[in-house]
PDB file of all heavy atoms in Angstrom:
ATOM      1  N   PHE A   1     -11.466  -6.609  -2.251  1.00  0.00           N
ATOM      2  CA  PHE A   1     -11.707  -5.939  -0.976  1.00  0.00           C
ATOM      3  C   PHE A   1     -10.645  -4.884  -0.711  1.00  0.00           C
ATOM      4  O   PHE A   1     -10.940  -3.781  -0.263  1.00  0.00           O
ATOM      5  CB  PHE A   1     -11.751  -6.975   0.153  1.00  0.00           C
ATOM      6  CG  PHE A   1     -12.782  -8.032  -0.114  1.00  0.00           C
ATOM      7  CD1 PHE A   1     -12.428  -9.226  -0.717  1.00  0.00           C
ATOM      8  CD2 PHE A   1     -14.116  -7.795   0.174  1.00  0.00           C
ATOM      9  CE1 PHE A   1     -13.380 -10.188  -1.003  1.00  0.00           C
ATOM     10  CE2 PHE A   1     -15.073  -8.750  -0.109  1.00  0.00           C
ATOM     11  CZ  PHE A   1     -14.713  -9.953  -0.703  1.00  0.00           C
ATOM     12  N   ALA A   2      -9.387  -5.217  -1.000  1.00  0.00           N
ATOM     13  CA  ALA A   2      -8.280  -4.302  -0.726  1.00  0.00           C
ATOM     14  C   ALA A   2      -8.358  -3.008  -1.527  1.00  0.00           C
ATOM     15  O   ALA A   2      -7.942  -1.961  -1.054  1.00  0.00           O
ATOM     16  CB  ALA A   2      -6.946  -5.009  -0.986  1.00  0.00           C
ATOM     17  N   VAL A   3      -8.910  -3.060  -2.743  1.00  0.00           N
ATOM     18  CA  VAL A   3      -8.993  -1.853  -3.573  1.00  0.00           C
ATOM     19  C   VAL A   3     -10.360  -1.167  -3.479  1.00  0.00           C
ATOM     20  O   VAL A   3     -10.594  -0.175  -4.155  1.00  0.00           O
ATOM     21  CB  VAL A   3      -8.636  -2.131  -5.058  1.00  0.00           C
ATOM     22  CG1 VAL A   3      -7.239  -2.715  -5.174  1.00  0.00           C
ATOM     23  CG2 VAL A   3      -9.673  -3.015  -5.727  1.00  0.00           C
ATOM     24  N   SER A   4     -11.235  -1.692  -2.622  1.00  0.00           N
ATOM     25  CA  SER A   4     -12.554  -1.077  -2.444  1.00  0.00           C
ATOM     26  C   SER A   4     -12.394   0.278  -1.747  1.00  0.00           C
ATOM     27  O   SER A   4     -11.355   0.571  -1.153  1.00  0.00           O
ATOM     28  CB  SER A   4     -13.455  -1.987  -1.612  1.00  0.00           C
ATOM     29  OG  SER A   4     -12.983  -2.047  -0.267  1.00  0.00           O
ATOM     30  N   ASP A   5     -13.428   1.098  -1.831  1.00  0.00           N
ATOM     31  CA  ASP A   5     -13.379   2.414  -1.199  1.00  0.00           C
ATOM     32  C   ASP A   5     -13.014   2.325   0.286  1.00  0.00           C
ATOM     33  O   ASP A   5     -12.304   3.175   0.812  1.00  0.00           O
ATOM     34  CB  ASP A   5     -14.725   3.136  -1.354  1.00  0.00           C
ATOM     35  CG  ASP A   5     -15.003   3.547  -2.792  1.00  0.00           C
ATOM     36  OD1 ASP A   5     -14.060   3.597  -3.611  1.00  0.00           O
ATOM     37  OD2 ASP A   5     -16.178   3.822  -3.108  1.00  0.00           O
ATOM     38  N   LYS A   6     -13.479   1.289   0.945  1.00  0.00           N
ATOM     39  CA  LYS A   6     -13.267   1.132   2.388  1.00  0.00           C
ATOM     40  C   LYS A   6     -11.798   0.931   2.742  1.00  0.00           C
ATOM     41  O   LYS A   6     -11.318   1.433   3.752  1.00  0.00           O
ATOM     42  CB  LYS A   6     -14.103  -0.031   2.912  1.00  0.00           C
ATOM     43  CG  LYS A   6     -14.004  -0.248   4.399  1.00  0.00           C
ATOM     44  CD  LYS A   6     -14.937  -1.336   4.872  1.00  0.00           C
ATOM     45  CE  LYS A   6     -14.853  -1.522   6.373  1.00  0.00           C
ATOM     46  NZ  LYS A   6     -15.756  -2.574   6.849  1.00  0.00           N
ATOM     47  N   TYR A   7     -11.060   0.170   1.937  1.00  0.00           N
ATOM     48  CA  TYR A   7      -9.692  -0.222   2.288  1.00  0.00           C
ATOM     49  C   TYR A   7      -8.604   0.343   1.386  1.00  0.00           C
ATOM     50  O   TYR A   7      -7.423   0.207   1.686  1.00  0.00           O
ATOM     51  CB  TYR A   7      -9.569  -1.751   2.285  1.00  0.00           C
ATOM     52  CG  TYR A   7     -10.470  -2.421   3.290  1.00  0.00           C
ATOM     53  CD1 TYR A   7     -11.574  -3.158   2.871  1.00  0.00           C
ATOM     54  CD2 TYR A   7     -10.231  -2.315   4.652  1.00  0.00           C
ATOM     55  CE1 TYR A   7     -12.412  -3.776   3.786  1.00  0.00           C
ATOM     56  CE2 TYR A   7     -11.057  -2.924   5.580  1.00  0.00           C
ATOM     57  CZ  TYR A   7     -12.151  -3.656   5.134  1.00  0.00           C
ATOM     58  OH  TYR A   7     -12.981  -4.260   6.043  1.00  0.00           O
ATOM     59  N   ARG A   8      -8.980   0.968   0.276  1.00  0.00           N
ATOM     60  CA  ARG A   8      -7.994   1.365  -0.744  1.00  0.00           C
ATOM     61  C   ARG A   8      -6.890   2.264  -0.192  1.00  0.00           C
ATOM     62  O   ARG A   8      -5.706   2.031  -0.447  1.00  0.00           O
ATOM     63  CB  ARG A   8      -8.682   2.014  -1.935  1.00  0.00           C
ATOM     64  CG  ARG A   8      -7.727   2.292  -3.079  1.00  0.00           C
ATOM     65  CD  ARG A   8      -8.416   2.722  -4.368  1.00  0.00           C
ATOM     66  NE  ARG A   8      -9.394   3.765  -4.183  1.00  0.00           N
ATOM     67  CZ  ARG A   8     -10.719   3.595  -4.309  1.00  0.00           C
ATOM     68  NH1 ARG A   8     -11.209   2.410  -4.627  1.00  0.00           N
ATOM     69  NH2 ARG A   8     -11.548   4.595  -4.129  1.00  0.00           N
ATOM     70  N   THR A   9      -7.231   3.279   0.570  1.00  0.00           N
ATOM     71  CA  THR A   9      -6.210   4.211   1.078  1.00  0.00           C
ATOM     72  C   THR A   9      -5.173   3.478   1.924  1.00  0.00           C
ATOM     73  O   THR A   9      -3.965   3.708   1.769  1.00  0.00           O
ATOM     74  CB  THR A   9      -6.870   5.346   1.887  1.00  0.00           C
ATOM     75  OG1 THR A   9      -7.739   6.072   1.013  1.00  0.00           O
ATOM     76  CG2 THR A   9      -5.834   6.295   2.458  1.00  0.00           C
ATOM     77  N   ASN A  10      -5.633   2.586   2.788  1.00  0.00           N
ATOM     78  CA  ASN A  10      -4.687   1.821   3.624  1.00  0.00           C
ATOM     79  C   ASN A  10      -3.817   0.907   2.781  1.00  0.00           C
ATOM     80  O   ASN A  10      -2.620   0.748   3.054  1.00  0.00           O
ATOM     81  CB  ASN A  10      -5.439   0.996   4.671  1.00  0.00           C
ATOM     82  CG  ASN A  10      -6.003   1.863   5.776  1.00  0.00           C
ATOM     83  OD1 ASN A  10      -5.575   2.991   5.971  1.00  0.00           O
ATOM     84  ND2 ASN A  10      -6.975   1.333   6.483  1.00  0.00           N
ATOM     85  N   PHE A  11      -4.408   0.291   1.760  1.00  0.00           N
ATOM     86  CA  PHE A  11      -3.630  -0.601   0.890  1.00  0.00           C
ATOM     87  C   PHE A  11      -2.577   0.194   0.127  1.00  0.00           C
ATOM     88  O   PHE A  11      -1.412  -0.220   0.055  1.00  0.00           O
ATOM     89  CB  PHE A  11      -4.567  -1.362  -0.042  1.00  0.00           C
ATOM     90  CG  PHE A  11      -3.930  -2.471  -0.844  1.00  0.00           C
ATOM     91  CD1 PHE A  11      -2.833  -3.179  -0.376  1.00  0.00           C
ATOM     92  CD2 PHE A  11      -4.440  -2.818  -2.077  1.00  0.00           C
ATOM     93  CE1 PHE A  11      -2.261  -4.212  -1.112  1.00  0.00           C
ATOM     94  CE2 PHE A  11      -3.882  -3.844  -2.829  1.00  0.00           C
ATOM     95  CZ  PHE A  11      -2.790  -4.540  -2.344  1.00  0.00           C
ATOM     96  N   VAL A  12      -2.951   1.356  -0.409  1.00  0.00           N
ATOM     97  CA  VAL A  12      -1.991   2.207  -1.125  1.00  0.00           C
ATOM     98  C   VAL A  12      -0.824   2.552  -0.202  1.00  0.00           C
ATOM     99  O   VAL A  12       0.350   2.399  -0.572  1.00  0.00           O
ATOM    100  CB  VAL A  12      -2.678   3.496  -1.642  1.00  0.00           C
ATOM    101  CG1 VAL A  12      -1.643   4.510  -2.121  1.00  0.00           C
ATOM    102  CG2 VAL A  12      -3.673   3.179  -2.745  1.00  0.00           C
ATOM    103  N   GLN A  13      -1.133   3.009   0.991  1.00  0.00           N
ATOM    104  CA  GLN A  13      -0.087   3.394   1.944  1.00  0.00           C
ATOM    105  C   GLN A  13       0.812   2.213   2.298  1.00  0.00           C
ATOM    106  O   GLN A  13       2.033   2.354   2.392  1.00  0.00           O
ATOM    107  CB  GLN A  13      -0.709   3.988   3.209  1.00  0.00           C
ATOM    108  CG  GLN A  13      -1.358   5.324   2.972  1.00  0.00           C
ATOM    109  CD  GLN A  13      -2.165   5.815   4.177  1.00  0.00           C
ATOM    110  OE1 GLN A  13      -2.318   5.124   5.176  1.00  0.00           O
ATOM    111  NE2 GLN A  13      -2.685   7.031   4.068  1.00  0.00           N
ATOM    112  N   SER A  14       0.217   1.044   2.484  1.00  0.00           N
ATOM    113  CA  SER A  14       0.993  -0.153   2.827  1.00  0.00           C
ATOM    114  C   SER A  14       1.950  -0.542   1.703  1.00  0.00           C
ATOM    115  O   SER A  14       3.104  -0.890   1.963  1.00  0.00           O
ATOM    116  CB  SER A  14       0.057  -1.331   3.127  1.00  0.00           C
ATOM    117  OG  SER A  14      -0.687  -1.086   4.276  1.00  0.00           O
ATOM    118  N   VAL A  15       1.466  -0.485   0.482  1.00  0.00           N
ATOM    119  CA  VAL A  15       2.312  -0.840  -0.670  1.00  0.00           C
ATOM    120  C   VAL A  15       3.516   0.093  -0.741  1.00  0.00           C
ATOM    121  O   VAL A  15       4.668  -0.357  -0.845  1.00  0.00           O
ATOM    122  CB  VAL A  15       1.508  -0.793  -1.991  1.00  0.00           C
ATOM    123  CG1 VAL A  15       2.435  -0.849  -3.203  1.00  0.00           C
ATOM    124  CG2 VAL A  15       0.481  -1.912  -2.036  1.00  0.00           C
ATOM    125  N   VAL A  16       3.271   1.377  -0.669  1.00  0.00           N
ATOM    126  CA  VAL A  16       4.362   2.355  -0.787  1.00  0.00           C
ATOM    127  C   VAL A  16       5.334   2.215   0.376  1.00  0.00           C
ATOM    128  O   VAL A  16       6.564   2.187   0.171  1.00  0.00           O
ATOM    129  CB  VAL A  16       3.802   3.785  -0.907  1.00  0.00           C
ATOM    130  CG1 VAL A  16       4.925   4.821  -0.862  1.00  0.00           C
ATOM    131  CG2 VAL A  16       3.000   3.933  -2.199  1.00  0.00           C
ATOM    132  N   LYS A  17       4.830   2.082   1.580  1.00  0.00           N
ATOM    133  CA  LYS A  17       5.714   1.920   2.746  1.00  0.00           C
ATOM    134  C   LYS A  17       6.579   0.675   2.618  1.00  0.00           C
ATOM    135  O   LYS A  17       7.764   0.701   2.956  1.00  0.00           O
ATOM    136  CB  LYS A  17       4.884   1.848   4.036  1.00  0.00           C
ATOM    137  CG  LYS A  17       4.358   3.187   4.495  1.00  0.00           C
ATOM    138  CD  LYS A  17       3.557   3.027   5.783  1.00  0.00           C
ATOM    139  CE  LYS A  17       2.950   4.343   6.207  1.00  0.00           C
ATOM    140  NZ  LYS A  17       2.113   4.207   7.406  1.00  0.00           N
ATOM    141  N   TYR A  18       5.996  -0.423   2.147  1.00  0.00           N
ATOM    142  CA  TYR A  18       6.744  -1.675   2.007  1.00  0.00           C
ATOM    143  C   TYR A  18       7.844  -1.539   0.961  1.00  0.00           C
ATOM    144  O   TYR A  18       8.991  -1.929   1.201  1.00  0.00           O
ATOM    145  CB  TYR A  18       5.785  -2.814   1.629  1.00  0.00           C
ATOM    146  CG  TYR A  18       6.412  -4.172   1.733  1.00  0.00           C
ATOM    147  CD1 TYR A  18       6.342  -4.910   2.904  1.00  0.00           C
ATOM    148  CD2 TYR A  18       7.091  -4.735   0.653  1.00  0.00           C
ATOM    149  CE1 TYR A  18       6.917  -6.170   3.012  1.00  0.00           C
ATOM    150  CE2 TYR A  18       7.669  -5.988   0.745  1.00  0.00           C
ATOM    151  CZ  TYR A  18       7.589  -6.694   1.927  1.00  0.00           C
ATOM    152  OH  TYR A  18       8.168  -7.928   2.021  1.00  0.00           O
ATOM    153  N   VAL A  19       7.505  -0.999  -0.195  1.00  0.00           N
ATOM    154  CA  VAL A  19       8.489  -0.823  -1.277  1.00  0.00           C
ATOM    155  C   VAL A  19       9.643   0.052  -0.800  1.00  0.00           C
ATOM    156  O   VAL A  19      10.811  -0.283  -1.009  1.00  0.00           O
ATOM    157  CB  VAL A  19       7.808  -0.243  -2.542  1.00  0.00           C
ATOM    158  CG1 VAL A  19       8.841   0.228  -3.553  1.00  0.00           C
ATOM    159  CG2 VAL A  19       6.873  -1.272  -3.164  1.00  0.00           C
ATOM    160  N   VAL A  20       9.321   1.156  -0.134  1.00  0.00           N
ATOM    161  CA  VAL A  20      10.354   2.077   0.343  1.00  0.00           C
ATOM    162  C   VAL A  20      11.180   1.440   1.458  1.00  0.00           C
ATOM    163  O   VAL A  20      12.420   1.476   1.430  1.00  0.00           O
ATOM    164  CB  VAL A  20       9.712   3.403   0.823  1.00  0.00           C
ATOM    165  CG1 VAL A  20      10.736   4.291   1.520  1.00  0.00           C
ATOM    166  CG2 VAL A  20       9.083   4.136  -0.362  1.00  0.00           C
ATOM    167  N   ALA A  21      10.519   0.823   2.437  1.00  0.00           N
ATOM    168  CA  ALA A  21      11.220   0.254   3.589  1.00  0.00           C
ATOM    169  C   ALA A  21      12.215  -0.828   3.196  1.00  0.00           C
ATOM    170  O   ALA A  21      13.297  -0.931   3.790  1.00  0.00           O
ATOM    171  CB  ALA A  21      10.218  -0.297   4.589  1.00  0.00           C
ATOM    172  N   PHE A  22      11.879  -1.617   2.191  1.00  0.00           N
ATOM    173  CA  PHE A  22      12.761  -2.721   1.810  1.00  0.00           C
ATOM    174  C   PHE A  22      13.630  -2.409   0.598  1.00  0.00           C
ATOM    175  O   PHE A  22      14.346  -3.277   0.098  1.00  0.00           O
ATOM    176  CB  PHE A  22      11.941  -4.002   1.588  1.00  0.00           C
ATOM    177  CG  PHE A  22      11.434  -4.570   2.890  1.00  0.00           C
ATOM    178  CD1 PHE A  22      10.160  -4.296   3.328  1.00  0.00           C
ATOM    179  CD2 PHE A  22      12.266  -5.336   3.687  1.00  0.00           C
ATOM    180  CE1 PHE A  22       9.697  -4.793   4.534  1.00  0.00           C
ATOM    181  CE2 PHE A  22      11.816  -5.844   4.896  1.00  0.00           C
ATOM    182  CZ  PHE A  22      10.530  -5.568   5.329  1.00  0.00           C
ATOM    183  N   GLY A  23      13.580  -1.175   0.123  1.00  0.00           N
ATOM    184  CA  GLY A  23      14.489  -0.748  -0.929  1.00  0.00           C
ATOM    185  C   GLY A  23      14.186  -1.268  -2.317  1.00  0.00           C
ATOM    186  O   GLY A  23      15.081  -1.329  -3.163  1.00  0.00           O
ATOM    187  N   PHE A  24      12.937  -1.626  -2.572  1.00  0.00           N
ATOM    188  CA  PHE A  24      12.569  -2.073  -3.910  1.00  0.00           C
ATOM    189  C   PHE A  24      12.477  -0.879  -4.860  1.00  0.00           C
ATOM    190  O   PHE A  24      12.297   0.255  -4.436  1.00  0.00           O
ATOM    191  CB  PHE A  24      11.238  -2.831  -3.889  1.00  0.00           C
ATOM    192  CG  PHE A  24      11.335  -4.196  -3.280  1.00  0.00           C
ATOM    193  CD1 PHE A  24      10.904  -4.415  -1.988  1.00  0.00           C
ATOM    194  CD2 PHE A  24      11.876  -5.255  -3.994  1.00  0.00           C
ATOM    195  CE1 PHE A  24      11.001  -5.666  -1.416  1.00  0.00           C
ATOM    196  CE2 PHE A  24      11.977  -6.512  -3.434  1.00  0.00           C
ATOM    197  CZ  PHE A  24      11.539  -6.717  -2.130  1.00  0.00           C
ATOM    198  N   ASP A  25      12.586  -1.160  -6.147  1.00  0.00           N
ATOM    199  CA  ASP A  25      12.466  -0.122  -7.176  1.00  0.00           C
ATOM    200  C   ASP A  25      11.030   0.035  -7.659  1.00  0.00           C
ATOM    201  O   ASP A  25      10.746   0.908  -8.472  1.00  0.00           O
ATOM    202  CB  ASP A  25      13.374  -0.459  -8.359  1.00  0.00           C
ATOM    203  CG  ASP A  25      14.832  -0.460  -7.939  1.00  0.00           C
ATOM    204  OD1 ASP A  25      15.327   0.610  -7.525  1.00  0.00           O
ATOM    205  OD2 ASP A  25      15.461  -1.527  -8.000  1.00  0.00           O
TER     206      ASP A  25
END
């Protein structure tokens, strides 16, 4: 569901924001 056309853009943005916000590599 998360990678479906309906939700993919939001999931991509969430992943990147989380990685950046918490300082992951």
